Amino acid sequence: MATSLMGKIMGKFMDGFLGPDYERGLTKLKA
């Protein structure tokens, strides 16, 4: 229950939290 709740909360912010890393990684892969 505790992990699930934490995961759900983190999921709400995952796009903003992890998205910039993905964008930077793709830019580096492109280079």
Full PDB file with SEQRES, HELIX, SHEET, SSBOND, CRYST1, ORIGX, SCALE, CONECT and MASTER records, all heavy atoms in Angstrom:
SEQRES   1 A   31  MET ALA THR SER LEU MET GLY LYS ILE MET GLY LYS PHE          
SEQRES   2 A   31  MET ASP GLY PHE LEU GLY PRO ASP TYR GLU ARG GLY LEU          
SEQRES   3 A   31  THR LYS LEU LYS ALA                                          
HELIX    1 AA1 ALA A    2  LYS A   30  1                                  29    
CRYST1    1.000    1.000    1.000  90.00  90.00  90.00 P 1           1          
ORIGX1      1.000000  0.000000  0.000000        0.00000                         
ORIGX2      0.000000  1.000000  0.000000        0.00000                         
ORIGX3      0.000000  0.000000  1.000000        0.00000                         
SCALE1      1.000000  0.000000  0.000000        0.00000                         
SCALE2      0.000000  1.000000  0.000000        0.00000                         
SCALE3      0.000000  0.000000  1.000000        0.00000                         
ATOM      1  N   MET A   1       0.811  -1.208   0.000  1.00  0.00           N  
ATOM      2  CA  MET A   1       0.000   0.000   0.000  1.00  0.00           C  
ATOM      3  C   MET A   1       0.854   1.271   0.000  1.00  0.00           C  
ATOM      4  O   MET A   1       0.602   2.207  -0.770  1.00  0.00           O  
ATOM      5  CB  MET A   1      -0.932   0.016   1.219  1.00  0.00           C  
ATOM      6  CG  MET A   1      -1.857   1.236   1.280  1.00  0.00           C  
ATOM      7  SD  MET A   1      -2.958   1.198   2.717  1.00  0.00           S  
ATOM      8  CE  MET A   1      -3.920  -0.277   2.375  1.00  0.00           C  
ATOM      9  N   ALA A   2       1.875   1.313   0.849  1.00  0.00           N  
ATOM     10  CA  ALA A   2       2.707   2.515   0.954  1.00  0.00           C  
ATOM     11  C   ALA A   2       3.467   2.767  -0.342  1.00  0.00           C  
ATOM     12  O   ALA A   2       3.504   3.889  -0.855  1.00  0.00           O  
ATOM     13  CB  ALA A   2       3.681   2.386   2.123  1.00  0.00           C  
ATOM     14  N   THR A   3       4.055   1.713  -0.911  1.00  0.00           N  
ATOM     15  CA  THR A   3       4.808   1.848  -2.154  1.00  0.00           C  
ATOM     16  C   THR A   3       3.882   2.226  -3.298  1.00  0.00           C  
ATOM     17  O   THR A   3       4.211   3.055  -4.144  1.00  0.00           O  
ATOM     18  CB  THR A   3       5.540   0.544  -2.497  1.00  0.00           C  
ATOM     19  OG1 THR A   3       6.445   0.228  -1.437  1.00  0.00           O  
ATOM     20  CG2 THR A   3       6.321   0.677  -3.784  1.00  0.00           C  
ATOM     21  N   SER A   4       2.701   1.599  -3.330  1.00  0.00           N  
ATOM     22  CA  SER A   4       1.736   1.894  -4.373  1.00  0.00           C  
ATOM     23  C   SER A   4       1.305   3.361  -4.323  1.00  0.00           C  
ATOM     24  O   SER A   4       1.226   4.039  -5.348  1.00  0.00           O  
ATOM     25  CB  SER A   4       0.520   0.981  -4.240  1.00  0.00           C  
ATOM     26  OG  SER A   4      -0.459   1.297  -5.205  1.00  0.00           O  
ATOM     27  N   LEU A   5       1.044   3.857  -3.118  1.00  0.00           N  
ATOM     28  CA  LEU A   5       0.631   5.241  -2.960  1.00  0.00           C  
ATOM     29  C   LEU A   5       1.744   6.188  -3.402  1.00  0.00           C  
ATOM     30  O   LEU A   5       1.503   7.160  -4.132  1.00  0.00           O  
ATOM     31  CB  LEU A   5       0.253   5.514  -1.506  1.00  0.00           C  
ATOM     32  CG  LEU A   5      -0.166   6.960  -1.170  1.00  0.00           C  
ATOM     33  CD1 LEU A   5      -1.360   7.370  -2.010  1.00  0.00           C  
ATOM     34  CD2 LEU A   5      -0.479   7.082   0.324  1.00  0.00           C  
ATOM     35  N   MET A   6       2.965   5.895  -2.980  1.00  0.00           N  
ATOM     36  CA  MET A   6       4.100   6.731  -3.378  1.00  0.00           C  
ATOM     37  C   MET A   6       4.291   6.701  -4.894  1.00  0.00           C  
ATOM     38  O   MET A   6       4.556   7.734  -5.523  1.00  0.00           O  
ATOM     39  CB  MET A   6       5.368   6.255  -2.687  1.00  0.00           C  
ATOM     40  CG  MET A   6       6.604   7.085  -3.015  1.00  0.00           C  
ATOM     41  SD  MET A   6       6.448   8.818  -2.499  1.00  0.00           S  
ATOM     42  CE  MET A   6       6.447   8.598  -0.703  1.00  0.00           C  
ATOM     43  N   GLY A   7       4.140   5.500  -5.477  1.00  0.00           N  
ATOM     44  CA  GLY A   7       4.285   5.370  -6.920  1.00  0.00           C  
ATOM     45  C   GLY A   7       3.225   6.149  -7.680  1.00  0.00           C  
ATOM     46  O   GLY A   7       3.508   6.751  -8.713  1.00  0.00           O  
ATOM     47  N   LYS A   8       2.000   6.145  -7.162  1.00  0.00           N  
ATOM     48  CA  LYS A   8       0.923   6.900  -7.807  1.00  0.00           C  
ATOM     49  C   LYS A   8       1.197   8.400  -7.748  1.00  0.00           C  
ATOM     50  O   LYS A   8       0.955   9.130  -8.716  1.00  0.00           O  
ATOM     51  CB  LYS A   8      -0.407   6.584  -7.134  1.00  0.00           C  
ATOM     52  CG  LYS A   8      -0.932   5.186  -7.405  1.00  0.00           C  
ATOM     53  CD  LYS A   8      -2.252   4.944  -6.681  1.00  0.00           C  
ATOM     54  CE  LYS A   8      -2.799   3.564  -6.949  1.00  0.00           C  
ATOM     55  NZ  LYS A   8      -4.092   3.324  -6.239  1.00  0.00           N  
ATOM     56  N   ILE A   9       1.680   8.856  -6.600  1.00  0.00           N  
ATOM     57  CA  ILE A   9       1.991  10.283  -6.458  1.00  0.00           C  
ATOM     58  C   ILE A   9       3.123  10.672  -7.401  1.00  0.00           C  
ATOM     59  O   ILE A   9       3.053  11.690  -8.111  1.00  0.00           O  
ATOM     60  CB  ILE A   9       2.364  10.610  -5.001  1.00  0.00           C  
ATOM     61  CG1 ILE A   9       1.139  10.432  -4.094  1.00  0.00           C  
ATOM     62  CG2 ILE A   9       2.890  12.044  -4.887  1.00  0.00           C  
ATOM     63  CD1 ILE A   9       1.427  10.597  -2.619  1.00  0.00           C  
ATOM     64  N   MET A  10       4.179   9.860  -7.437  1.00  0.00           N  
ATOM     65  CA  MET A  10       5.292  10.140  -8.332  1.00  0.00           C  
ATOM     66  C   MET A  10       4.860  10.100  -9.786  1.00  0.00           C  
ATOM     67  O   MET A  10       5.353  10.864 -10.618  1.00  0.00           O  
ATOM     68  CB  MET A  10       6.426   9.139  -8.085  1.00  0.00           C  
ATOM     69  CG  MET A  10       7.126   9.307  -6.755  1.00  0.00           C  
ATOM     70  SD  MET A  10       8.469   8.116  -6.526  1.00  0.00           S  
ATOM     71  CE  MET A  10       9.585   8.610  -7.855  1.00  0.00           C  
ATOM     72  N   GLY A  11       3.922   9.185 -10.099  1.00  0.00           N  
ATOM     73  CA  GLY A  11       3.431   9.075 -11.464  1.00  0.00           C  
ATOM     74  C   GLY A  11       2.777  10.345 -11.958  1.00  0.00           C  
ATOM     75  O   GLY A  11       2.815  10.655 -13.147  1.00  0.00           O  
ATOM     76  N   LYS A  12       2.159  11.096 -11.026  1.00  0.00           N  
ATOM     77  CA  LYS A  12       1.509  12.355 -11.388  1.00  0.00           C  
ATOM     78  C   LYS A  12       2.510  13.379 -11.895  1.00  0.00           C  
ATOM     79  O   LYS A  12       2.167  14.268 -12.685  1.00  0.00           O  
ATOM     80  CB  LYS A  12       0.763  12.921 -10.172  1.00  0.00           C  
ATOM     81  CG  LYS A  12      -0.509  12.185  -9.794  1.00  0.00           C  
ATOM     82  CD  LYS A  12      -1.574  12.376 -10.859  1.00  0.00           C  
ATOM     83  CE  LYS A  12      -2.894  11.743 -10.447  1.00  0.00           C  
ATOM     84  NZ  LYS A  12      -3.930  11.903 -11.500  1.00  0.00           N  
ATOM     85  N   PHE A  13       3.741  13.271 -11.432  1.00  0.00           N  
ATOM     86  CA  PHE A  13       4.760  14.260 -11.782  1.00  0.00           C  
ATOM     87  C   PHE A  13       5.856  13.676 -12.678  1.00  0.00           C  
ATOM     88  O   PHE A  13       6.837  14.343 -12.951  1.00  0.00           O  
ATOM     89  CB  PHE A  13       5.391  14.816 -10.501  1.00  0.00           C  
ATOM     90  CG  PHE A  13       4.402  15.410  -9.540  1.00  0.00           C  
ATOM     91  CD1 PHE A  13       3.927  14.672  -8.465  1.00  0.00           C  
ATOM     92  CD2 PHE A  13       3.939  16.703  -9.716  1.00  0.00           C  
ATOM     93  CE1 PHE A  13       3.011  15.217  -7.583  1.00  0.00           C  
ATOM     94  CE2 PHE A  13       3.021  17.253  -8.844  1.00  0.00           C  
ATOM     95  CZ  PHE A  13       2.545  16.514  -7.769  1.00  0.00           C  
ATOM     96  N   MET A  14       5.669  12.424 -13.124  1.00  0.00           N  
ATOM     97  CA  MET A  14       6.733  11.740 -13.843  1.00  0.00           C  
ATOM     98  C   MET A  14       7.091  12.425 -15.150  1.00  0.00           C  
ATOM     99  O   MET A  14       8.272  12.534 -15.510  1.00  0.00           O  
ATOM    100  CB  MET A  14       6.323  10.284 -14.110  1.00  0.00           C  
ATOM    101  CG  MET A  14       7.452   9.420 -14.656  1.00  0.00           C  
ATOM    102  SD  MET A  14       8.882   9.355 -13.540  1.00  0.00           S  
ATOM    103  CE  MET A  14       8.171   8.447 -12.158  1.00  0.00           C  
ATOM    104  N   ASP A  15       6.099  12.910 -15.877  1.00  0.00           N  
ATOM    105  CA  ASP A  15       6.385  13.529 -17.166  1.00  0.00           C  
ATOM    106  C   ASP A  15       7.280  14.750 -16.999  1.00  0.00           C  
ATOM    107  O   ASP A  15       8.251  14.933 -17.737  1.00  0.00           O  
ATOM    108  CB  ASP A  15       5.086  13.930 -17.867  1.00  0.00           C  
ATOM    109  CG  ASP A  15       5.318  14.285 -19.324  1.00  0.00           C  
ATOM    110  OD1 ASP A  15       5.294  13.383 -20.168  1.00  0.00           O  
ATOM    111  OD2 ASP A  15       5.518  15.482 -19.610  1.00  0.00           O  
ATOM    112  N   GLY A  16       6.958  15.575 -16.021  1.00  0.00           N  
ATOM    113  CA  GLY A  16       7.775  16.763 -15.786  1.00  0.00           C  
ATOM    114  C   GLY A  16       9.119  16.434 -15.151  1.00  0.00           C  
ATOM    115  O   GLY A  16      10.105  17.137 -15.384  1.00  0.00           O  
ATOM    116  N   PHE A  17       9.154  15.351 -14.377  1.00  0.00           N  
ATOM    117  CA  PHE A  17      10.380  14.977 -13.679  1.00  0.00           C  
ATOM    118  C   PHE A  17      11.362  14.263 -14.601  1.00  0.00           C  
ATOM    119  O   PHE A  17      12.552  14.572 -14.636  1.00  0.00           O  
ATOM    120  CB  PHE A  17      10.030  14.076 -12.490  1.00  0.00           C  
ATOM    121  CG  PHE A  17      11.218  13.511 -11.769  1.00  0.00           C  
ATOM    122  CD1 PHE A  17      12.031  14.325 -11.000  1.00  0.00           C  
ATOM    123  CD2 PHE A  17      11.530  12.157 -11.860  1.00  0.00           C  
ATOM    124  CE1 PHE A  17      13.140  13.802 -10.336  1.00  0.00           C  
ATOM    125  CE2 PHE A  17      12.623  11.630 -11.197  1.00  0.00           C  
ATOM    126  CZ  PHE A  17      13.429  12.467 -10.440  1.00  0.00           C  
ATOM    127  N   LEU A  18      10.858  13.309 -15.387  1.00  0.00           N  
ATOM    128  CA  LEU A  18      11.724  12.473 -16.211  1.00  0.00           C  
ATOM    129  C   LEU A  18      11.791  12.936 -17.667  1.00  0.00           C  
ATOM    130  O   LEU A  18      12.769  12.653 -18.362  1.00  0.00           O  
ATOM    131  CB  LEU A  18      11.232  11.021 -16.155  1.00  0.00           C  
ATOM    132  CG  LEU A  18      12.176   9.909 -16.607  1.00  0.00           C  
ATOM    133  CD1 LEU A  18      13.471   9.946 -15.798  1.00  0.00           C  
ATOM    134  CD2 LEU A  18      11.486   8.549 -16.453  1.00  0.00           C  
ATOM    135  N   GLY A  19      10.761  13.642 -18.115  1.00  0.00           N  
ATOM    136  CA  GLY A  19      10.702  14.083 -19.500  1.00  0.00           C  
ATOM    137  C   GLY A  19      11.934  14.839 -19.976  1.00  0.00           C  
ATOM    138  O   GLY A  19      12.479  14.528 -21.049  1.00  0.00           O  
ATOM    139  N   PRO A  20      12.409  15.837 -19.218  1.00  0.00           N  
ATOM    140  CA  PRO A  20      13.611  16.560 -19.657  1.00  0.00           C  
ATOM    141  C   PRO A  20      14.839  15.676 -19.812  1.00  0.00           C  
ATOM    142  O   PRO A  20      15.667  15.915 -20.696  1.00  0.00           O  
ATOM    143  CB  PRO A  20      13.806  17.590 -18.532  1.00  0.00           C  
ATOM    144  CG  PRO A  20      12.434  17.817 -17.984  1.00  0.00           C  
ATOM    145  CD  PRO A  20      11.786  16.459 -18.040  1.00  0.00           C  
ATOM    146  N   ASP A  21      14.963  14.638 -18.971  1.00  0.00           N  
ATOM    147  CA  ASP A  21      16.080  13.701 -19.119  1.00  0.00           C  
ATOM    148  C   ASP A  21      15.967  12.935 -20.436  1.00  0.00           C  
ATOM    149  O   ASP A  21      16.967  12.732 -21.137  1.00  0.00           O  
ATOM    150  CB  ASP A  21      16.110  12.717 -17.954  1.00  0.00           C  
ATOM    151  CG  ASP A  21      16.528  13.365 -16.647  1.00  0.00           C  
ATOM    152  OD1 ASP A  21      17.185  14.420 -16.698  1.00  0.00           O  
ATOM    153  OD2 ASP A  21      16.208  12.818 -15.590  1.00  0.00           O  
ATOM    154  N   TYR A  22      14.767  12.504 -20.764  1.00  0.00           N  
ATOM    155  CA  TYR A  22      14.555  11.788 -22.017  1.00  0.00           C  
ATOM    156  C   TYR A  22      14.880  12.688 -23.209  1.00  0.00           C  
ATOM    157  O   TYR A  22      15.474  12.236 -24.196  1.00  0.00           O  
ATOM    158  CB  TYR A  22      13.111  11.291 -22.096  1.00  0.00           C  
ATOM    159  CG  TYR A  22      12.932   9.882 -21.570  1.00  0.00           C  
ATOM    160  CD1 TYR A  22      13.468   9.509 -20.344  1.00  0.00           C  
ATOM    161  CD2 TYR A  22      12.228   8.921 -22.283  1.00  0.00           C  
ATOM    162  CE1 TYR A  22      13.309   8.230 -19.857  1.00  0.00           C  
ATOM    163  CE2 TYR A  22      12.067   7.640 -21.808  1.00  0.00           C  
ATOM    164  CZ  TYR A  22      12.611   7.298 -20.593  1.00  0.00           C  
ATOM    165  OH  TYR A  22      12.466   6.008 -20.120  1.00  0.00           O  
ATOM    166  N   GLU A  23      14.477  13.931 -23.124  1.00  0.00           N  
ATOM    167  CA  GLU A  23      14.757  14.865 -24.214  1.00  0.00           C  
ATOM    168  C   GLU A  23      16.259  15.072 -24.383  1.00  0.00           C  
ATOM    169  O   GLU A  23      16.771  15.095 -25.517  1.00  0.00           O  
ATOM    170  CB  GLU A  23      14.064  16.198 -23.929  1.00  0.00           C  
ATOM    171  CG  GLU A  23      12.543  16.113 -23.996  1.00  0.00           C  
ATOM    172  CD  GLU A  23      11.864  17.330 -23.398  1.00  0.00           C  
ATOM    173  OE1 GLU A  23      12.574  18.311 -23.082  1.00  0.00           O  
ATOM    174  OE2 GLU A  23      10.620  17.309 -23.238  1.00  0.00           O  
ATOM    175  N   ARG A  24      16.956  15.211 -23.262  1.00  0.00           N  
ATOM    176  CA  ARG A  24      18.403  15.393 -23.328  1.00  0.00           C  
ATOM    177  C   ARG A  24      19.087  14.136 -23.865  1.00  0.00           C  
ATOM    178  O   ARG A  24      20.032  14.211 -24.667  1.00  0.00           O  
ATOM    179  CB  ARG A  24      18.959  15.753 -21.945  1.00  0.00           C  
ATOM    180  CG  ARG A  24      20.436  16.154 -21.968  1.00  0.00           C  
ATOM    181  CD  ARG A  24      20.869  16.794 -20.669  1.00  0.00           C  
ATOM    182  NE  ARG A  24      20.824  15.878 -19.547  1.00  0.00           N  
ATOM    183  CZ  ARG A  24      19.874  15.881 -18.615  1.00  0.00           C  
ATOM    184  NH1 ARG A  24      18.886  16.762 -18.677  1.00  0.00           N  
ATOM    185  NH2 ARG A  24      19.899  15.022 -17.613  1.00  0.00           N  
ATOM    186  N   GLY A  25      18.613  12.968 -23.454  1.00  0.00           N  
ATOM    187  CA  GLY A  25      19.189  11.726 -23.943  1.00  0.00           C  
ATOM    188  C   GLY A  25      18.993  11.556 -25.444  1.00  0.00           C  
ATOM    189  O   GLY A  25      19.909  11.125 -26.151  1.00  0.00           O  
ATOM    190  N   LEU A  26      17.823  11.889 -25.935  1.00  0.00           N  
ATOM    191  CA  LEU A  26      17.572  11.782 -27.369  1.00  0.00           C  
ATOM    192  C   LEU A  26      18.434  12.754 -28.159  1.00  0.00           C  
ATOM    193  O   LEU A  26      18.916  12.436 -29.252  1.00  0.00           O  
ATOM    194  CB  LEU A  26      16.089  12.038 -27.654  1.00  0.00           C  
ATOM    195  CG  LEU A  26      15.128  10.912 -27.262  1.00  0.00           C  
ATOM    196  CD1 LEU A  26      13.679  11.363 -27.429  1.00  0.00           C  
ATOM    197  CD2 LEU A  26      15.385   9.654 -28.090  1.00  0.00           C  
ATOM    198  N   THR A  27      18.642  13.940 -27.612  1.00  0.00           N  
ATOM    199  CA  THR A  27      19.496  14.921 -28.275  1.00  0.00           C  
ATOM    200  C   THR A  27      20.934  14.410 -28.352  1.00  0.00           C  
ATOM    201  O   THR A  27      21.617  14.565 -29.378  1.00  0.00           O  
ATOM    202  CB  THR A  27      19.457  16.264 -27.527  1.00  0.00           C  
ATOM    203  OG1 THR A  27      18.113  16.767 -27.546  1.00  0.00           O  
ATOM    204  CG2 THR A  27      20.367  17.290 -28.185  1.00  0.00           C  
ATOM    205  N   LYS A  28      21.399  13.782 -27.287  1.00  0.00           N  
ATOM    206  CA  LYS A  28      22.751  13.219 -27.288  1.00  0.00           C  
ATOM    207  C   LYS A  28      22.848  12.026 -28.238  1.00  0.00           C  
ATOM    208  O   LYS A  28      23.849  11.860 -28.947  1.00  0.00           O  
ATOM    209  CB  LYS A  28      23.149  12.797 -25.865  1.00  0.00           C  
ATOM    210  CG  LYS A  28      23.265  13.952 -24.884  1.00  0.00           C  
ATOM    211  CD  LYS A  28      23.731  13.486 -23.513  1.00  0.00           C  
ATOM    212  CE  LYS A  28      25.164  12.980 -23.561  1.00  0.00           C  
ATOM    213  NZ  LYS A  28      25.671  12.629 -22.225  1.00  0.00           N  
ATOM    214  N   LEU A  29      21.817  11.193 -28.273  1.00  0.00           N  
ATOM    215  CA  LEU A  29      21.794  10.062 -29.194  1.00  0.00           C  
ATOM    216  C   LEU A  29      21.832  10.557 -30.639  1.00  0.00           C  
ATOM    217  O   LEU A  29      22.511   9.968 -31.495  1.00  0.00           O  
ATOM    218  CB  LEU A  29      20.545   9.213 -28.956  1.00  0.00           C  
ATOM    219  CG  LEU A  29      20.353   8.002 -29.864  1.00  0.00           C  
ATOM    220  CD1 LEU A  29      21.510   7.019 -29.739  1.00  0.00           C  
ATOM    221  CD2 LEU A  29      19.024   7.304 -29.539  1.00  0.00           C  
ATOM    222  N   LYS A  30      21.122  11.625 -30.914  1.00  0.00           N  
ATOM    223  CA  LYS A  30      21.113  12.223 -32.250  1.00  0.00           C  
ATOM    224  C   LYS A  30      22.527  12.640 -32.655  1.00  0.00           C  
ATOM    225  O   LYS A  30      22.981  12.349 -33.772  1.00  0.00           O  
ATOM    226  CB  LYS A  30      20.183  13.437 -32.254  1.00  0.00           C  
ATOM    227  CG  LYS A  30      20.148  14.236 -33.561  1.00  0.00           C  
ATOM    228  CD  LYS A  30      19.206  15.425 -33.412  1.00  0.00           C  
ATOM    229  CE  LYS A  30      19.261  16.331 -34.637  1.00  0.00           C  
ATOM    230  NZ  LYS A  30      18.572  15.698 -35.803  1.00  0.00           N  
ATOM    231  N   ALA A  31      23.237  13.295 -31.737  1.00  0.00           N  
ATOM    232  CA  ALA A  31      24.595  13.751 -32.034  1.00  0.00           C  
ATOM    233  C   ALA A  31      25.523  12.567 -32.296  1.00  0.00           C  
ATOM    234  O   ALA A  31      26.344  12.595 -33.220  1.00  0.00           O  
ATOM    235  CB  ALA A  31      25.128  14.601 -30.882  1.00  0.00           C  
TER     236      ALA A  31                                                      
MASTER        0    0    0    1    0    0    0    6  235    1    0    3          
END                                                                             
